[in-house]
């Protein structure tokens, strides 16, 4: 049997008979579950209008939409939080029948003199000073309270195993520190909340791919668990989280996926076999 996939009409050729078929697609609000989602990151930069995408999200039939919380856009003045821009995104995602999944990030120049004023401060995690740590915890609490009942999946930082998101040098122990001060807040805010950690980008590519001064793409022929993961995935941290995430940047997303998943699963099971993988 030959399946012709050109155009909206699919023609099934069987022997000398041609059967005309038109596929019926279900929208996101018509299905209860799907493992497939899309990313609508970088809305915290205000660089594009997310409203353009909402109707298309629904037509795709996906159920998950990953967004970023944008601390620097929300708290431009110390102690003053403006979630209006993020409210619009969350509410529109929900209206399309999808589940928002919020990555809590990035730094904030209000509390970091080393960051460019008013910048996204992607590579400035708030762990190096007590003022920054406390400000981050206050912001996370405010965010959780504001979106209680609307958002239940919270991810801690983005791609901390890349220097573009951890500017003083990738450090698994430091990321574990960030998880320790953030995960309990997520859990305490709502018993239905899920804690997501990791968000790693270098499991299937060479570490140098993320270095600012490196140009080119080198993919690891034997991807697996590296020092970064081993350093942040400690016994106490494992009990705080529900999911571990990673991004596959291989030329083909499925490249080495079976081997990578097996290695990741084996490592997670050391401390918490109930942790899911996204």
Protein backbone atom coordinates (compact mmCIF):
# COMPACT_ATOMS: atom_id res chain seq x y z
CA UNK A 1 0.00 0.00 0.00
CA UNK A 2 1.34 3.44 -0.96
CA UNK A 3 0.39 6.51 1.08
CA UNK A 4 0.54 9.80 -0.78
CA UNK A 5 1.18 12.56 1.77
CA UNK A 6 1.03 15.53 -0.58
CA UNK A 7 -1.69 18.04 0.27
CA UNK A 8 -4.60 17.71 2.71
CA UNK A 9 -6.05 14.75 0.82
CA UNK A 10 -4.45 11.34 1.39
CA UNK A 11 -4.81 8.77 -1.41
CA UNK A 12 -4.53 5.12 -0.51
CA UNK A 13 -3.63 3.05 -3.57
CA UNK A 14 -4.55 -0.60 -3.20
CA UNK A 15 -4.24 -2.71 -6.34
CA UNK A 16 -6.29 -0.91 -9.01
CA UNK A 17 -8.56 0.92 -6.55
CA UNK A 18 -8.05 4.43 -5.22
CA UNK A 19 -9.73 5.35 -1.94
CA UNK A 20 -10.06 9.04 -1.18
CA UNK A 21 -9.68 9.89 2.51
CA UNK A 22 -9.57 13.15 4.40
CA UNK A 23 -8.05 13.14 7.86
CA UNK A 24 -9.89 14.74 10.75
CA UNK A 25 -7.65 16.63 13.16
CA UNK A 26 -8.51 17.18 16.80
CA UNK A 27 -7.74 20.53 18.38
CA UNK A 28 -6.08 20.94 21.76
CA UNK A 29 -9.37 21.58 23.55
CA UNK A 30 -10.84 18.39 22.06
CA UNK A 31 -8.31 16.00 23.57
CA UNK A 32 -7.62 15.21 27.22
CA UNK A 33 -3.96 14.27 26.97
CA UNK A 34 -0.96 14.32 24.69
CA UNK A 35 2.75 13.97 25.46
CA UNK A 36 3.49 16.62 22.84
CA UNK A 37 3.98 20.30 23.54
CA UNK A 38 5.60 23.40 22.08
CA UNK A 39 7.81 26.19 23.37
CA UNK A 40 6.81 29.84 23.61
CA UNK A 41 9.96 30.96 25.37
CA UNK A 42 11.53 34.43 25.36
CA UNK A 43 8.25 36.25 25.84
CA UNK A 44 9.99 37.93 28.77
CA UNK A 45 11.99 39.90 26.23
CA UNK A 46 8.86 41.32 24.61
CA UNK A 47 10.45 40.60 21.25
CA UNK A 48 7.32 39.17 19.63
CA UNK A 49 3.56 39.20 20.01
CA UNK A 50 2.44 35.84 21.45
CA UNK A 51 -1.18 36.50 20.44
CA UNK A 52 -0.25 35.59 16.87
CA UNK A 53 0.39 32.02 17.96
CA UNK A 54 -2.57 31.18 20.18
CA UNK A 55 -5.04 30.04 17.48
CA UNK A 56 -2.34 27.91 15.88
CA UNK A 57 -1.52 26.22 19.21
CA UNK A 58 -5.10 25.00 19.40
CA UNK A 59 -5.09 23.72 15.83
CA UNK A 60 -1.91 21.72 16.46
CA UNK A 61 -3.58 19.57 19.09
CA UNK A 62 -0.70 19.90 21.57
CA UNK A 63 -1.34 19.95 25.32
CA UNK A 64 1.78 21.54 26.82
CA UNK A 65 3.22 25.03 26.32
CA UNK A 66 6.53 25.96 27.94
CA UNK A 67 6.94 29.60 28.91
CA UNK A 68 9.49 31.62 30.90
CA UNK A 69 8.57 33.72 33.91
CA UNK A 70 10.88 36.66 33.25
CA UNK A 71 11.89 37.98 36.67
CA UNK A 72 13.56 41.07 35.23
CA UNK A 73 10.40 42.06 33.31
CA UNK A 74 8.15 41.45 36.29
CA UNK A 75 10.15 43.24 39.00
CA UNK A 76 11.72 46.35 37.53
CA UNK A 77 11.54 48.11 40.87
CA UNK A 78 12.50 46.30 44.06
CA UNK A 79 9.44 44.76 45.68
CA UNK A 80 7.01 45.84 42.93
CA UNK A 81 5.68 42.95 40.82
CA UNK A 82 3.77 43.40 37.57
CA UNK A 83 2.49 40.09 36.21
CA UNK A 84 0.06 41.60 33.70
CA UNK A 85 2.13 40.62 30.66
CA UNK A 86 2.42 37.05 31.92
CA UNK A 87 -1.25 36.85 32.93
CA UNK A 88 -2.21 37.41 29.31
CA UNK A 89 0.04 34.57 28.14
CA UNK A 90 -1.06 32.06 30.80
CA UNK A 91 -4.78 32.80 30.39
CA UNK A 92 -4.62 32.52 26.60
CA UNK A 93 -2.75 29.21 26.78
CA UNK A 94 -5.39 27.84 29.14
CA UNK A 95 -8.19 29.11 26.88
CA UNK A 96 -6.76 27.00 24.04
CA UNK A 97 -7.10 23.83 26.10
CA UNK A 98 -3.38 23.62 26.90
CA UNK A 99 -1.35 23.38 30.09
CA UNK A 100 1.25 26.09 30.75
CA UNK A 101 4.60 24.91 32.07
CA UNK A 102 6.56 27.79 33.59
CA UNK A 103 10.33 28.02 33.73
CA UNK A 104 11.32 30.27 36.62
CA UNK A 105 14.16 32.46 35.31
CA UNK A 106 16.38 34.50 34.83
CA UNK A 107 18.44 36.94 36.88
CA UNK A 108 17.56 40.54 37.71
CA UNK A 109 19.92 43.52 37.46
CA UNK A 110 17.99 45.24 40.27
CA UNK A 111 19.78 42.86 42.62
CA UNK A 112 22.98 42.28 40.66
CA UNK A 113 25.45 45.08 40.06
CA UNK A 114 27.43 42.90 37.65
CA UNK A 115 24.51 42.53 35.23
CA UNK A 116 23.71 45.01 32.49
CA UNK A 117 21.01 47.35 33.89
CA UNK A 118 17.56 46.40 32.68
CA UNK A 119 18.88 43.26 31.02
CA UNK A 120 17.49 39.75 31.01
CA UNK A 121 20.61 38.68 32.96
CA UNK A 122 20.38 35.14 31.63
CA UNK A 123 23.79 34.18 32.97
CA UNK A 124 23.38 35.70 36.44
CA UNK A 125 21.80 33.15 38.78
CA UNK A 126 20.70 34.74 42.08
CA UNK A 127 22.85 32.71 44.43
CA UNK A 128 26.06 34.65 44.97
CA UNK A 129 24.81 37.23 47.47
CA UNK A 130 22.30 37.04 50.31
CA UNK A 131 20.35 39.98 48.89
CA UNK A 132 19.95 38.22 45.55
CA UNK A 133 18.96 34.91 47.14
CA UNK A 134 16.30 36.52 49.32
CA UNK A 135 15.00 38.63 46.45
CA UNK A 136 14.72 35.50 44.26
CA UNK A 137 12.79 33.68 46.98
CA UNK A 138 10.41 36.62 47.41
CA UNK A 139 9.86 36.76 43.66
CA UNK A 140 9.22 33.01 43.40
CA UNK A 141 6.70 33.20 46.25
CA UNK A 142 4.93 36.12 44.59
CA UNK A 143 4.82 34.28 41.26
CA UNK A 144 3.48 31.08 42.82
CA UNK A 145 0.81 32.96 44.75
CA UNK A 146 -0.25 34.94 41.69
CA UNK A 147 -0.65 31.89 39.44
CA UNK A 148 -2.00 29.49 42.05
CA UNK A 149 -4.66 27.30 40.47
CA UNK A 150 -3.62 28.24 36.94
CA UNK A 151 -0.06 26.92 36.77
CA UNK A 152 1.06 23.70 38.48
CA UNK A 153 4.30 22.84 36.68
CA UNK A 154 7.35 24.93 37.57
CA UNK A 155 10.84 24.46 36.20
CA UNK A 156 13.89 25.82 38.00
CA UNK A 157 16.10 27.90 35.66
CA UNK A 158 16.96 27.18 32.04
CA UNK A 159 19.97 25.30 30.65
CA UNK A 160 22.24 25.79 33.68
CA UNK A 161 24.82 23.45 32.13
CA UNK A 162 25.63 26.06 29.50
CA UNK A 163 27.73 29.17 30.08
CA UNK A 164 25.09 31.25 28.30
CA UNK A 165 22.90 30.66 31.36
CA UNK A 166 25.51 30.27 34.10
CA UNK A 167 28.10 32.93 33.44
CA UNK A 168 30.59 32.34 36.25
CA UNK A 169 31.26 28.86 34.92
CA UNK A 170 28.95 25.86 34.77
CA UNK A 171 28.71 24.40 38.25
CA UNK A 172 26.39 21.57 39.23
CA UNK A 173 26.82 22.20 42.95
CA UNK A 174 25.69 25.80 42.50
CA UNK A 175 22.65 24.69 40.54
CA UNK A 176 21.80 22.23 43.33
CA UNK A 177 21.92 25.19 45.69
CA UNK A 178 19.37 27.04 43.55
CA UNK A 179 17.11 23.98 43.52
CA UNK A 180 17.33 23.67 47.31
CA UNK A 181 16.11 27.22 47.90
CA UNK A 182 13.43 27.10 45.19
CA UNK A 183 11.85 23.63 45.18
CA UNK A 184 10.40 23.83 48.72
CA UNK A 185 8.66 27.09 47.82
CA UNK A 186 7.00 25.47 44.80
CA UNK A 187 5.82 22.53 46.90
CA UNK A 188 4.60 24.65 49.82
CA UNK A 189 2.58 27.00 47.62
CA UNK A 190 0.22 24.27 46.38
CA UNK A 191 0.19 20.52 47.03
CA UNK A 192 -0.72 20.00 43.36
CA UNK A 193 2.41 21.77 42.12
CA UNK A 194 5.13 19.78 40.36
CA UNK A 195 8.82 20.62 40.63
CA UNK A 196 10.90 20.34 37.45
CA UNK A 197 14.70 20.56 37.53
CA UNK A 198 17.68 20.02 35.28
CA UNK A 199 16.68 21.62 32.00
CA UNK A 200 20.05 20.49 30.64
CA UNK A 201 21.26 21.27 27.14
CA UNK A 202 24.57 19.43 26.95
CA UNK A 203 23.70 15.76 27.28
CA UNK A 204 23.91 15.19 23.54
CA UNK A 205 26.36 17.87 22.50
CA UNK A 206 29.82 18.88 23.52
CA UNK A 207 30.09 21.32 26.41
CA UNK A 208 31.91 23.81 24.20
CA UNK A 209 28.82 24.23 22.04
CA UNK A 210 27.41 26.57 24.66
CA UNK A 211 30.57 28.58 25.27
CA UNK A 212 30.22 32.17 24.17
CA UNK A 213 33.56 32.19 22.33
CA UNK A 214 32.95 28.93 20.50
CA UNK A 215 31.53 28.83 17.01
CA UNK A 216 30.38 25.58 15.47
CA UNK A 217 28.55 22.43 16.39
CA UNK A 218 30.25 19.38 17.85
CA UNK A 219 27.99 16.52 18.84
CA UNK A 220 29.08 13.90 21.31
CA UNK A 221 29.30 10.42 19.75
CA UNK A 222 28.61 8.90 23.16
CA UNK A 223 26.13 11.16 24.98
CA UNK A 224 25.36 10.46 28.58
CA UNK A 225 25.54 11.64 32.13
CA UNK A 226 28.33 14.14 32.68
CA UNK A 227 29.88 15.81 35.73
CA UNK A 228 27.30 18.59 35.82
CA UNK A 229 24.40 16.21 36.36
CA UNK A 230 26.33 14.11 38.81
CA UNK A 231 27.16 17.23 40.83
CA UNK A 232 23.65 18.65 41.10
CA UNK A 233 21.69 15.41 41.39
CA UNK A 234 22.28 14.73 45.06
CA UNK A 235 20.22 12.54 47.38
CA UNK A 236 18.44 15.40 49.13
CA UNK A 237 17.75 17.23 45.87
CA UNK A 238 16.27 14.08 44.31
CA UNK A 239 13.58 14.00 46.98
CA UNK A 240 12.53 17.56 46.13
CA UNK A 241 11.70 17.14 42.46
CA UNK A 242 9.12 15.39 40.27
CA UNK A 243 10.67 15.66 36.82
CA UNK A 244 14.06 16.13 35.19
CA UNK A 245 14.19 17.89 31.85
CA UNK A 246 16.75 18.02 29.06
CA UNK A 247 16.93 19.53 25.59
CA UNK A 248 18.17 17.49 22.66
CA UNK A 249 20.18 19.58 20.22
CA UNK A 250 21.36 16.72 18.05
CA UNK A 251 20.97 17.09 14.25
CA UNK A 252 18.15 14.59 14.63
CA UNK A 253 16.28 14.98 17.95
CA UNK A 254 15.96 11.21 18.30
CA UNK A 255 19.72 10.66 17.83
CA UNK A 256 21.09 8.42 20.61
CA UNK A 257 17.84 8.97 22.50
CA UNK A 258 17.43 5.37 23.65
CA UNK A 259 20.94 5.25 25.07
CA UNK A 260 20.62 8.67 26.65
CA UNK A 261 17.25 7.89 28.22
CA UNK A 262 18.58 4.63 29.65
CA UNK A 263 21.60 6.36 31.18
CA UNK A 264 19.44 9.12 32.61
CA UNK A 265 16.91 6.67 34.01
CA UNK A 266 19.62 4.58 35.64
CA UNK A 267 21.10 7.62 37.35
CA UNK A 268 17.74 8.96 38.53
CA UNK A 269 16.81 5.59 39.99
CA UNK A 270 19.80 5.76 42.32
CA UNK A 271 17.94 8.23 44.54
CA UNK A 272 14.35 8.53 43.31
CA UNK A 273 12.81 6.10 40.80
CA UNK A 274 9.58 8.14 40.82
CA UNK A 275 11.15 11.07 38.99
CA UNK A 276 9.81 11.47 35.46
CA UNK A 277 11.83 12.50 32.41
CA UNK A 278 10.76 15.26 30.05
